[in-house]
Amino acid sequence: MPELTYYIGVTLDGFIAGPQDEVDFLGLSEEFLGFLASELADTLPTPARAAFGVADAPLTRFDTVVMGRRTYDPALAEGLLDPYAHLRTVVVSRSLPAASDPVEVTAEAPLDVVRRLKADPSSRGVLLAGGGRLAGQVSAEIDRLVVKKYPVVVGDGLRMLDRAFAPEAFTLEQVRTFDNGCAVLEYARTTLSPRDL
């Protein structure tokens, strides 16, 4: 069964963006960008894949991306109808009209969407590109977290998971650190209780 992976950049104090969607404070060094292009190329928007010279790189982890409207809007503002043209793109939105080309836009309940995508046995994997509100709504279905932890605190902004208190346990599987102070942590959902960790 394909896994749902929440791939997200986050500050030390747990925010994915500032109060007005600011992300310009997140530093990207050459070493870190090289890692993203070589190890996580599937997760890069299509224009970034082209800029890094990996536009034709084979998909290794994902063939589908799901996002909410707030994550999709910046691409639309730039005239980019499908920011992940190398993946099947699904946008969960009650305010956009339903569509199937070039992206699938659906008003289905977020949990139903991710369960449908995960039920496709031919899928390599499903990338959850955000944001925090959508991730909070589908957190029970997240199998894996890939967290780019940036060495900055901001005090306020958009949370990584926008939801009520509900502890869920994950096991740390891998850590990579970089010259800009960023760490990439990969976690897998565990069956253990948070108290048992």
N, C-alpha and C. Protein backbone atom coordinates (compact mmCIF):
# COMPACT_ATOMS: atom_id res chain seq x y z
N MET A 1 0.84 -1.19 0.00
CA MET A 1 0.00 0.00 0.00
C MET A 1 0.89 1.25 0.00
N PRO A 2 0.60 2.22 -0.85
CA PRO A 2 1.40 3.44 -0.87
C PRO A 2 1.33 4.19 0.46
N GLU A 3 2.42 4.84 0.81
CA GLU A 3 2.45 5.62 2.04
C GLU A 3 2.14 7.09 1.75
N LEU A 4 1.57 7.77 2.74
CA LEU A 4 1.39 9.21 2.69
C LEU A 4 2.52 9.82 3.50
N THR A 5 3.33 10.64 2.84
CA THR A 5 4.49 11.29 3.47
C THR A 5 4.25 12.79 3.53
N TYR A 6 4.31 13.34 4.73
CA TYR A 6 4.21 14.78 4.92
C TYR A 6 5.62 15.33 4.87
N TYR A 7 5.90 16.08 3.81
CA TYR A 7 7.21 16.67 3.56
C TYR A 7 7.08 18.16 3.81
N ILE A 8 7.85 18.68 4.79
CA ILE A 8 7.61 20.05 5.21
C ILE A 8 8.87 20.69 5.77
N GLY A 9 9.02 21.98 5.55
CA GLY A 9 10.06 22.78 6.18
C GLY A 9 9.47 23.44 7.41
N VAL A 10 10.22 23.43 8.52
CA VAL A 10 9.67 23.94 9.77
C VAL A 10 10.76 24.64 10.58
N THR A 11 10.37 25.67 11.31
CA THR A 11 11.29 26.38 12.19
C THR A 11 11.49 25.58 13.47
N LEU A 12 12.45 25.99 14.28
CA LEU A 12 12.68 25.31 15.56
C LEU A 12 11.46 25.37 16.48
N ASP A 13 10.65 26.42 16.32
CA ASP A 13 9.47 26.54 17.17
C ASP A 13 8.18 26.06 16.48
N GLY A 14 8.33 25.27 15.40
CA GLY A 14 7.21 24.54 14.85
C GLY A 14 6.34 25.23 13.81
N PHE A 15 6.86 26.28 13.16
CA PHE A 15 6.07 26.99 12.16
C PHE A 15 6.60 26.71 10.76
N ILE A 16 5.68 26.63 9.79
CA ILE A 16 6.06 26.36 8.41
C ILE A 16 6.13 27.64 7.59
N ALA A 17 5.61 28.74 8.12
CA ALA A 17 5.64 30.04 7.46
C ALA A 17 5.27 31.10 8.49
N GLY A 18 5.53 32.34 8.14
CA GLY A 18 5.14 33.44 9.00
C GLY A 18 3.64 33.70 8.92
N PRO A 19 3.14 34.66 9.69
CA PRO A 19 1.70 34.95 9.73
C PRO A 19 1.12 35.34 8.37
N GLN A 20 1.95 35.93 7.49
CA GLN A 20 1.50 36.32 6.15
C GLN A 20 2.10 35.40 5.08
N ASP A 21 2.35 34.15 5.44
CA ASP A 21 2.92 33.13 4.55
C ASP A 21 4.39 33.39 4.21
N GLU A 22 5.10 34.17 5.01
CA GLU A 22 6.51 34.45 4.73
C GLU A 22 7.35 33.17 4.90
N VAL A 23 8.25 32.94 3.95
CA VAL A 23 9.20 31.84 4.05
C VAL A 23 10.61 32.29 3.66
N ASP A 24 10.78 33.59 3.42
CA ASP A 24 12.07 34.10 2.94
C ASP A 24 13.16 34.07 4.00
N PHE A 25 12.83 33.71 5.21
CA PHE A 25 13.83 33.62 6.29
C PHE A 25 14.45 32.23 6.37
N LEU A 26 14.03 31.30 5.54
CA LEU A 26 14.55 29.94 5.55
C LEU A 26 15.76 29.87 4.63
N GLY A 27 16.94 29.65 5.21
CA GLY A 27 18.19 29.65 4.44
C GLY A 27 18.41 28.37 3.65
N LEU A 28 18.95 28.54 2.44
CA LEU A 28 19.22 27.41 1.55
C LEU A 28 20.66 27.50 1.06
N SER A 29 21.56 26.67 1.60
CA SER A 29 22.95 26.66 1.17
C SER A 29 23.12 25.78 -0.06
N GLU A 30 24.26 25.90 -0.72
CA GLU A 30 24.55 25.06 -1.90
C GLU A 30 24.52 23.58 -1.53
N GLU A 31 25.11 23.23 -0.38
CA GLU A 31 25.12 21.83 0.04
C GLU A 31 23.70 21.31 0.24
N PHE A 32 22.88 22.11 0.90
CA PHE A 32 21.51 21.71 1.18
C PHE A 32 20.70 21.59 -0.11
N LEU A 33 20.86 22.56 -1.02
CA LEU A 33 20.15 22.50 -2.29
C LEU A 33 20.57 21.28 -3.11
N GLY A 34 21.86 20.96 -3.05
CA GLY A 34 22.35 19.77 -3.74
C GLY A 34 21.70 18.50 -3.21
N PHE A 35 21.55 18.43 -1.89
CA PHE A 35 20.88 17.28 -1.28
C PHE A 35 19.44 17.18 -1.75
N LEU A 36 18.72 18.30 -1.75
CA LEU A 36 17.33 18.28 -2.19
C LEU A 36 17.22 17.80 -3.63
N ALA A 37 18.12 18.28 -4.49
CA ALA A 37 18.07 17.91 -5.90
C ALA A 37 18.44 16.45 -6.13
N SER A 38 19.32 15.91 -5.31
CA SER A 38 19.76 14.53 -5.55
C SER A 38 18.93 13.51 -4.78
N GLU A 39 18.57 13.82 -3.54
CA GLU A 39 17.88 12.84 -2.70
C GLU A 39 16.36 13.00 -2.66
N LEU A 40 15.89 14.21 -2.88
CA LEU A 40 14.45 14.47 -2.76
C LEU A 40 13.89 15.16 -4.00
N ALA A 41 14.41 14.79 -5.16
CA ALA A 41 14.01 15.44 -6.41
C ALA A 41 12.52 15.31 -6.69
N ASP A 42 11.91 14.20 -6.27
CA ASP A 42 10.47 14.02 -6.48
C ASP A 42 9.66 15.14 -5.82
N THR A 43 10.17 15.68 -4.71
CA THR A 43 9.43 16.65 -3.92
C THR A 43 9.56 18.08 -4.45
N LEU A 44 10.45 18.30 -5.40
CA LEU A 44 10.66 19.64 -5.94
C LEU A 44 9.58 19.98 -6.95
N PRO A 45 9.08 21.21 -6.91
CA PRO A 45 8.16 21.64 -7.97
C PRO A 45 8.86 21.49 -9.34
N THR A 46 8.08 21.30 -10.37
CA THR A 46 8.63 21.05 -11.70
C THR A 46 9.60 22.14 -12.16
N PRO A 47 9.32 23.44 -11.96
CA PRO A 47 10.30 24.45 -12.38
C PRO A 47 11.64 24.32 -11.62
N ALA A 48 11.58 23.92 -10.35
CA ALA A 48 12.82 23.74 -9.58
C ALA A 48 13.60 22.53 -10.09
N ARG A 49 12.90 21.47 -10.47
CA ARG A 49 13.58 20.31 -11.05
C ARG A 49 14.35 20.72 -12.31
N ALA A 50 13.72 21.55 -13.14
CA ALA A 50 14.40 22.03 -14.35
C ALA A 50 15.61 22.88 -13.99
N ALA A 51 15.45 23.78 -13.02
CA ALA A 51 16.56 24.66 -12.62
C ALA A 51 17.74 23.88 -12.06
N PHE A 52 17.47 22.77 -11.38
CA PHE A 52 18.53 21.96 -10.80
C PHE A 52 19.07 20.90 -11.77
N GLY A 53 18.52 20.86 -12.98
CA GLY A 53 18.99 19.90 -13.96
C GLY A 53 18.53 18.47 -13.71
N VAL A 54 17.43 18.31 -12.98
CA VAL A 54 16.92 16.97 -12.69
C VAL A 54 15.50 16.78 -13.24
N ALA A 55 15.16 17.57 -14.25
CA ALA A 55 13.79 17.51 -14.81
C ALA A 55 13.43 16.12 -15.29
N ASP A 56 14.41 15.40 -15.82
CA ASP A 56 14.13 14.06 -16.36
C ASP A 56 14.51 12.94 -15.41
N ALA A 57 14.86 13.29 -14.18
CA ALA A 57 15.24 12.26 -13.20
C ALA A 57 14.05 11.34 -12.95
N PRO A 58 14.29 10.03 -12.87
CA PRO A 58 13.17 9.13 -12.60
C PRO A 58 12.59 9.36 -11.21
N LEU A 59 11.30 9.12 -11.08
CA LEU A 59 10.65 9.24 -9.78
C LEU A 59 11.06 8.05 -8.92
N THR A 60 11.41 8.32 -7.68
CA THR A 60 11.89 7.26 -6.80
C THR A 60 10.98 7.00 -5.61
N ARG A 61 10.29 8.04 -5.12
CA ARG A 61 9.48 7.86 -3.91
C ARG A 61 8.00 8.14 -4.12
N PHE A 62 7.69 9.08 -5.01
CA PHE A 62 6.31 9.55 -5.15
C PHE A 62 5.90 9.60 -6.61
N ASP A 63 4.60 9.40 -6.84
CA ASP A 63 4.03 9.67 -8.17
C ASP A 63 2.78 10.54 -8.05
N THR A 64 2.41 10.89 -6.80
CA THR A 64 1.21 11.70 -6.55
C THR A 64 1.54 12.73 -5.47
N VAL A 65 1.00 13.93 -5.64
CA VAL A 65 1.12 14.97 -4.62
C VAL A 65 -0.28 15.48 -4.31
N VAL A 66 -0.55 15.72 -3.02
CA VAL A 66 -1.83 16.28 -2.60
C VAL A 66 -1.54 17.53 -1.78
N MET A 67 -2.34 18.56 -2.01
CA MET A 67 -2.15 19.84 -1.31
C MET A 67 -3.49 20.53 -1.15
N GLY A 68 -3.51 21.51 -0.26
CA GLY A 68 -4.68 22.35 -0.08
C GLY A 68 -4.59 23.58 -0.97
N ARG A 69 -5.66 24.34 -0.99
CA ARG A 69 -5.70 25.52 -1.87
C ARG A 69 -4.64 26.55 -1.48
N ARG A 70 -4.40 26.73 -0.19
CA ARG A 70 -3.44 27.75 0.24
C ARG A 70 -2.03 27.43 -0.26
N THR A 71 -1.71 26.16 -0.39
CA THR A 71 -0.42 25.76 -0.94
C THR A 71 -0.42 25.90 -2.46
N TYR A 72 -1.56 25.69 -3.08
CA TYR A 72 -1.68 25.76 -4.54
C TYR A 72 -1.72 27.19 -5.05
N ASP A 73 -2.29 28.12 -4.27
CA ASP A 73 -2.49 29.50 -4.72
C ASP A 73 -1.22 30.22 -5.22
N PRO A 74 -0.06 30.11 -4.55
CA PRO A 74 1.12 30.81 -5.08
C PRO A 74 1.48 30.39 -6.51
N ALA A 75 1.30 29.11 -6.84
CA ALA A 75 1.56 28.66 -8.22
C ALA A 75 0.56 29.31 -9.17
N LEU A 76 -0.71 29.32 -8.79
CA LEU A 76 -1.72 29.94 -9.64
C LEU A 76 -1.42 31.42 -9.87
N ALA A 77 -0.95 32.10 -8.82
CA ALA A 77 -0.63 33.53 -8.94
C ALA A 77 0.49 33.76 -9.95
N GLU A 78 1.34 32.76 -10.15
CA GLU A 78 2.43 32.84 -11.13
C GLU A 78 2.01 32.28 -12.49
N GLY A 79 0.76 31.90 -12.64
CA GLY A 79 0.27 31.35 -13.90
C GLY A 79 0.65 29.90 -14.11
N LEU A 80 1.06 29.22 -13.05
CA LEU A 80 1.47 27.82 -13.12
C LEU A 80 0.30 26.94 -12.69
N LEU A 81 -0.37 26.34 -13.67
CA LEU A 81 -1.56 25.55 -13.36
C LEU A 81 -1.24 24.24 -12.68
N ASP A 82 -0.05 23.68 -12.94
CA ASP A 82 0.36 22.44 -12.29
C ASP A 82 1.80 22.57 -11.82
N PRO A 83 1.99 22.94 -10.55
CA PRO A 83 3.36 23.14 -10.06
C PRO A 83 4.16 21.85 -9.94
N TYR A 84 3.49 20.71 -9.98
CA TYR A 84 4.16 19.41 -9.90
C TYR A 84 3.75 18.58 -11.13
N ALA A 85 4.06 19.07 -12.31
CA ALA A 85 3.63 18.41 -13.54
C ALA A 85 4.23 17.02 -13.70
N HIS A 86 5.32 16.73 -12.99
CA HIS A 86 5.94 15.40 -13.05
C HIS A 86 5.20 14.39 -12.17
N LEU A 87 4.24 14.85 -11.36
CA LEU A 87 3.45 13.99 -10.49
C LEU A 87 1.97 14.17 -10.80
N ARG A 88 1.17 13.23 -10.39
CA ARG A 88 -0.28 13.43 -10.41
C ARG A 88 -0.58 14.41 -9.29
N THR A 89 -1.22 15.53 -9.60
CA THR A 89 -1.45 16.58 -8.63
C THR A 89 -2.93 16.63 -8.24
N VAL A 90 -3.19 16.55 -6.93
CA VAL A 90 -4.55 16.60 -6.40
C VAL A 90 -4.64 17.78 -5.44
N VAL A 91 -5.59 18.67 -5.70
CA VAL A 91 -5.80 19.85 -4.85
C VAL A 91 -7.14 19.68 -4.15
N VAL A 92 -7.10 19.75 -2.82
CA VAL A 92 -8.32 19.65 -2.02
C VAL A 92 -8.80 21.06 -1.74
N SER A 93 -9.98 21.40 -2.28
CA SER A 93 -10.50 22.75 -2.11
C SER A 93 -12.01 22.75 -2.28
N ARG A 94 -12.69 23.44 -1.36
CA ARG A 94 -14.12 23.61 -1.49
C ARG A 94 -14.46 24.88 -2.26
N SER A 95 -13.46 25.75 -2.50
CA SER A 95 -13.74 27.02 -3.16
C SER A 95 -13.36 27.05 -4.64
N LEU A 96 -12.45 26.16 -5.07
CA LEU A 96 -12.11 26.08 -6.49
C LEU A 96 -13.11 25.18 -7.20
N PRO A 97 -13.41 25.45 -8.47
CA PRO A 97 -14.30 24.54 -9.20
C PRO A 97 -13.63 23.19 -9.42
N ALA A 98 -14.41 22.14 -9.38
CA ALA A 98 -13.88 20.79 -9.62
C ALA A 98 -13.25 20.74 -11.00
N ALA A 99 -12.14 20.02 -11.10
CA ALA A 99 -11.43 19.90 -12.37
C ALA A 99 -10.64 18.61 -12.37
N SER A 100 -10.23 18.20 -13.57
CA SER A 100 -9.39 17.01 -13.68
C SER A 100 -8.19 17.23 -14.57
N ASP A 101 -8.04 18.42 -15.15
CA ASP A 101 -6.92 18.69 -16.05
C ASP A 101 -6.51 20.15 -15.95
N PRO A 102 -5.24 20.48 -15.73
CA PRO A 102 -4.10 19.58 -15.60
C PRO A 102 -3.94 19.00 -14.20
N VAL A 103 -4.69 19.53 -13.22
CA VAL A 103 -4.66 18.95 -11.88
C VAL A 103 -6.07 18.48 -11.53
N GLU A 104 -6.14 17.56 -10.59
CA GLU A 104 -7.44 17.14 -10.07
C GLU A 104 -7.78 18.06 -8.90
N VAL A 105 -8.89 18.78 -9.00
CA VAL A 105 -9.38 19.62 -7.91
C VAL A 105 -10.63 18.95 -7.38
N THR A 106 -10.65 18.70 -6.08
CA THR A 106 -11.77 17.99 -5.49
C THR A 106 -12.23 18.65 -4.20
N ALA A 107 -13.53 18.60 -3.96
CA ALA A 107 -14.11 19.11 -2.72
C ALA A 107 -14.40 17.97 -1.75
N GLU A 108 -13.90 16.76 -2.07
CA GLU A 108 -14.09 15.62 -1.17
C GLU A 108 -13.50 15.94 0.20
N ALA A 109 -13.96 15.25 1.21
CA ALA A 109 -13.36 15.38 2.53
C ALA A 109 -11.90 14.97 2.46
N PRO A 110 -10.99 15.74 3.08
CA PRO A 110 -9.56 15.44 2.98
C PRO A 110 -9.18 14.01 3.34
N LEU A 111 -9.78 13.46 4.41
CA LEU A 111 -9.47 12.07 4.78
C LEU A 111 -9.89 11.10 3.69
N ASP A 112 -11.01 11.34 3.06
CA ASP A 112 -11.47 10.47 1.97
C ASP A 112 -10.49 10.55 0.80
N VAL A 113 -9.99 11.74 0.51
CA VAL A 113 -9.04 11.91 -0.60
C VAL A 113 -7.78 11.10 -0.36
N VAL A 114 -7.16 11.28 0.81
CA VAL A 114 -5.89 10.57 1.04
C VAL A 114 -6.11 9.06 1.15
N ARG A 115 -7.23 8.64 1.70
CA ARG A 115 -7.50 7.20 1.76
C ARG A 115 -7.68 6.62 0.36
N ARG A 116 -8.34 7.36 -0.51
CA ARG A 116 -8.51 6.92 -1.90
C ARG A 116 -7.15 6.82 -2.60
N LEU A 117 -6.30 7.83 -2.40
CA LEU A 117 -4.99 7.83 -3.04
C LEU A 117 -4.10 6.71 -2.51
N LYS A 118 -4.17 6.47 -1.21
CA LYS A 118 -3.37 5.40 -0.61
C LYS A 118 -3.87 4.01 -0.99
N ALA A 119 -5.12 3.90 -1.40
CA ALA A 119 -5.68 2.60 -1.76
C ALA A 119 -5.28 2.16 -3.17
N ASP A 120 -4.63 3.03 -3.93
CA ASP A 120 -4.23 2.70 -5.29
C ASP A 120 -2.96 1.85 -5.26
N PRO A 121 -3.06 0.54 -5.53
CA PRO A 121 -1.89 -0.33 -5.41
C PRO A 121 -0.81 -0.04 -6.45
N SER A 122 -1.15 0.69 -7.51
CA SER A 122 -0.16 1.00 -8.53
C SER A 122 0.66 2.24 -8.18
N SER A 123 0.27 2.95 -7.13
CA SER A 123 0.96 4.18 -6.75
C SER A 123 2.28 3.89 -6.04
N ARG A 124 3.28 4.70 -6.36
CA ARG A 124 4.59 4.60 -5.71
C ARG A 124 4.54 5.19 -4.30
N GLY A 125 3.84 6.29 -4.14
CA GLY A 125 3.73 6.95 -2.86
C GLY A 125 3.05 8.30 -3.04
N VAL A 126 2.47 8.81 -1.95
CA VAL A 126 1.73 10.07 -1.99
C VAL A 126 2.46 11.09 -1.13
N LEU A 127 2.78 12.22 -1.75
CA LEU A 127 3.45 13.33 -1.09
C LEU A 127 2.40 14.33 -0.61
N LEU A 128 2.40 14.64 0.67
CA LEU A 128 1.53 15.68 1.22
C LEU A 128 2.36 16.95 1.27
N ALA A 129 2.03 17.89 0.38
CA ALA A 129 2.81 19.12 0.27
C ALA A 129 2.25 20.23 1.15
N GLY A 130 1.23 19.96 1.88
CA GLY A 130 0.76 20.95 2.83
C GLY A 130 -0.56 21.56 2.42
N GLY A 131 -0.85 22.46 3.26
CA GLY A 131 -0.17 23.02 4.41
C GLY A 131 -0.65 22.44 5.72
N GLY A 132 -0.43 23.23 6.77
CA GLY A 132 -0.68 22.77 8.11
C GLY A 132 -2.13 22.42 8.40
N ARG A 133 -3.05 23.14 7.80
CA ARG A 133 -4.48 22.85 8.03
C ARG A 133 -4.84 21.50 7.41
N LEU A 134 -4.43 21.28 6.15
CA LEU A 134 -4.71 20.00 5.51
C LEU A 134 -4.01 18.86 6.25
N ALA A 135 -2.75 19.07 6.62
CA ALA A 135 -2.01 18.03 7.35
C ALA A 135 -2.70 17.70 8.67
N GLY A 136 -3.21 18.70 9.35
CA GLY A 136 -3.93 18.46 10.59
C GLY A 136 -5.19 17.64 10.38
N GLN A 137 -5.87 17.84 9.26
CA GLN A 137 -7.10 17.11 8.97
C GLN A 137 -6.84 15.65 8.60
N VAL A 138 -5.65 15.36 8.07
CA VAL A 138 -5.36 13.99 7.61
C VAL A 138 -4.25 13.34 8.41
N SER A 139 -3.90 13.90 9.55
CA SER A 139 -2.74 13.40 10.30
C SER A 139 -2.85 11.92 10.66
N ALA A 140 -4.05 11.42 10.86
CA ALA A 140 -4.21 10.00 11.19
C ALA A 140 -3.76 9.09 10.06
N GLU A 141 -3.68 9.61 8.84
CA GLU A 141 -3.27 8.81 7.68
C GLU A 141 -1.82 9.05 7.28
N ILE A 142 -1.10 9.93 7.98
CA ILE A 142 0.30 10.19 7.64
C ILE A 142 1.15 9.02 8.11
N ASP A 143 1.85 8.40 7.17
CA ASP A 143 2.70 7.25 7.49
C ASP A 143 4.13 7.66 7.79
N ARG A 144 4.55 8.78 7.20
CA ARG A 144 5.95 9.17 7.27
C ARG A 144 6.04 10.70 7.28
N LEU A 145 7.00 11.22 8.03
CA LEU A 145 7.29 12.65 8.07
C LEU A 145 8.71 12.86 7.56
N VAL A 146 8.89 13.79 6.63
CA VAL A 146 10.22 14.25 6.23
C VAL A 146 10.23 15.73 6.58
N VAL A 147 10.97 16.06 7.65
CA VAL A 147 10.94 17.40 8.22
C VAL A 147 12.27 18.09 7.98
N LYS A 148 12.23 19.18 7.21
CA LYS A 148 13.41 20.03 7.04
C LYS A 148 13.38 21.04 8.19
N LYS A 149 14.24 20.85 9.18
CA LYS A 149 14.24 21.69 10.38
C LYS A 149 15.26 22.81 10.19
N TYR A 150 14.78 24.05 10.14
CA TYR A 150 15.64 25.22 9.91
C TYR A 150 16.04 25.84 11.25
N PRO A 151 17.28 26.30 11.38
CA PRO A 151 17.76 26.84 12.65
C PRO A 151 17.33 28.28 12.89
N VAL A 152 16.03 28.47 13.00
CA VAL A 152 15.48 29.80 13.21
C VAL A 152 14.19 29.66 14.04
N VAL A 153 13.94 30.65 14.88
CA VAL A 153 12.66 30.73 15.58
C VAL A 153 11.94 31.98 15.09
N VAL A 154 10.61 31.91 15.02
CA VAL A 154 9.86 33.06 14.50
C VAL A 154 8.79 33.56 15.46
N GLY A 155 8.35 32.74 16.40
CA GLY A 155 7.40 33.20 17.41
C GLY A 155 5.95 33.12 17.04
N ASP A 156 5.62 33.23 15.75
CA ASP A 156 4.23 33.20 15.32
C ASP A 156 4.20 32.81 13.85
N GLY A 157 3.06 32.29 13.42
CA GLY A 157 2.92 31.93 12.02
C GLY A 157 2.01 30.75 11.83
N LEU A 158 2.22 30.05 10.73
CA LEU A 158 1.42 28.89 10.39
C LEU A 158 2.05 27.64 10.98
N ARG A 159 1.28 26.89 11.73
CA ARG A 159 1.81 25.71 12.41
C ARG A 159 1.96 24.53 11.45
N MET A 160 2.87 23.64 11.79
CA MET A 160 3.11 22.44 11.00
C MET A 160 1.86 21.57 10.93
N LEU A 161 1.15 21.45 12.04
CA LEU A 161 -0.12 20.74 12.09
C LEU A 161 -1.13 21.65 12.79
N ASP A 162 -2.15 22.03 12.07
CA ASP A 162 -3.18 22.89 12.63
C ASP A 162 -4.36 21.99 13.02
N ARG A 163 -4.36 21.58 14.29
CA ARG A 163 -5.40 20.67 14.76
C ARG A 163 -5.44 20.69 16.28
N ALA A 164 -6.42 19.99 16.83
CA ALA A 164 -6.55 19.88 18.28
C ALA A 164 -5.48 18.95 18.84
N PHE A 165 -5.29 19.02 20.14
CA PHE A 165 -4.33 18.15 20.83
C PHE A 165 -4.71 16.70 20.63
N ALA A 166 -3.77 15.91 20.08
CA ALA A 166 -4.01 14.47 19.85
C ALA A 166 -2.65 13.82 19.59
N PRO A 167 -1.94 13.36 20.63
CA PRO A 167 -0.60 12.80 20.45
C PRO A 167 -0.59 11.59 19.52
N GLU A 168 0.37 11.58 18.61
CA GLU A 168 0.61 10.47 17.69
C GLU A 168 2.11 10.20 17.70
N ALA A 169 2.51 8.95 17.70
CA ALA A 169 3.92 8.59 17.83
C ALA A 169 4.57 8.25 16.50
N PHE A 170 5.81 8.70 16.34
CA PHE A 170 6.63 8.41 15.17
C PHE A 170 8.01 8.02 15.65
N THR A 171 8.69 7.18 14.87
CA THR A 171 10.04 6.75 15.19
C THR A 171 11.02 7.42 14.24
N LEU A 172 12.08 8.00 14.80
CA LEU A 172 13.11 8.63 13.99
C LEU A 172 13.91 7.56 13.27
N GLU A 173 13.99 7.66 11.93
CA GLU A 173 14.72 6.68 11.13
C GLU A 173 16.02 7.21 10.55
N GLN A 174 16.07 8.52 10.30
CA GLN A 174 17.26 9.07 9.65
C GLN A 174 17.39 10.55 9.96
N VAL A 175 18.64 11.01 10.12
CA VAL A 175 18.93 12.43 10.32
C VAL A 175 20.08 12.80 9.40
N ARG A 176 19.91 13.90 8.68
CA ARG A 176 21.00 14.45 7.87
C ARG A 176 21.17 15.91 8.30
N THR A 177 22.40 16.36 8.49
CA THR A 177 22.66 17.76 8.86
C THR A 177 23.48 18.42 7.76
N PHE A 178 23.37 19.75 7.69
CA PHE A 178 23.98 20.50 6.59
C PHE A 178 24.68 21.74 7.11
N ASP A 179 25.52 22.31 6.24
CA ASP A 179 26.37 23.44 6.63
C ASP A 179 25.60 24.70 6.99
N ASN A 180 24.34 24.79 6.60
CA ASN A 180 23.53 25.97 6.94
C ASN A 180 22.80 25.79 8.28
N GLY A 181 23.11 24.68 8.99
CA GLY A 181 22.47 24.42 10.27
C GLY A 181 21.14 23.70 10.15
N CYS A 182 20.72 23.41 8.94
CA CYS A 182 19.47 22.71 8.72
C CYS A 182 19.68 21.21 8.94
N ALA A 183 18.64 20.57 9.44
CA ALA A 183 18.64 19.11 9.59
C ALA A 183 17.41 18.57 8.90
N VAL A 184 17.57 17.44 8.23
CA VAL A 184 16.43 16.76 7.62
C VAL A 184 16.21 15.49 8.42
N LEU A 185 15.05 15.39 9.03
CA LEU A 185 14.71 14.27 9.89
C LEU A 185 13.60 13.46 9.23
N GLU A 186 13.78 12.15 9.18
CA GLU A 186 12.75 11.30 8.60
C GLU A 186 12.20 10.37 9.69
N TYR A 187 10.88 10.40 9.82
CA TYR A 187 10.18 9.62 10.84
C TYR A 187 9.17 8.69 10.18
N ALA A 188 8.95 7.54 10.81
CA ALA A 188 7.90 6.62 10.37
C ALA A 188 6.91 6.44 11.51
N ARG A 189 5.64 6.34 11.16
CA ARG A 189 4.62 6.10 12.18
C ARG A 189 4.90 4.79 12.88
N THR A 190 4.70 4.79 14.18
CA THR A 190 4.89 3.58 14.97
C THR A 190 3.57 3.17 15.60
N THR A 191 3.48 1.92 15.97
CA THR A 191 2.28 1.44 16.65
C THR A 191 2.36 1.66 18.15
N LEU A 192 3.53 2.13 18.62
CA LEU A 192 3.70 2.39 20.05
C LEU A 192 2.89 3.60 20.48
N SER A 193 2.51 3.63 21.72
CA SER A 193 1.87 4.81 22.29
C SER A 193 2.95 5.86 22.51
N PRO A 194 2.61 7.16 22.41
CA PRO A 194 3.59 8.19 22.72
C PRO A 194 4.24 8.01 24.10
N ARG A 195 3.50 7.46 25.07
CA ARG A 195 4.05 7.22 26.41
C ARG A 195 5.09 6.13 26.45
N ASP A 196 5.05 5.23 25.44
CA ASP A 196 5.97 4.09 25.42
C ASP A 196 7.29 4.39 24.73
N LEU A 197 7.43 5.56 24.17
CA LEU A 197 8.67 5.90 23.46
C LEU A 197 9.76 6.30 24.42
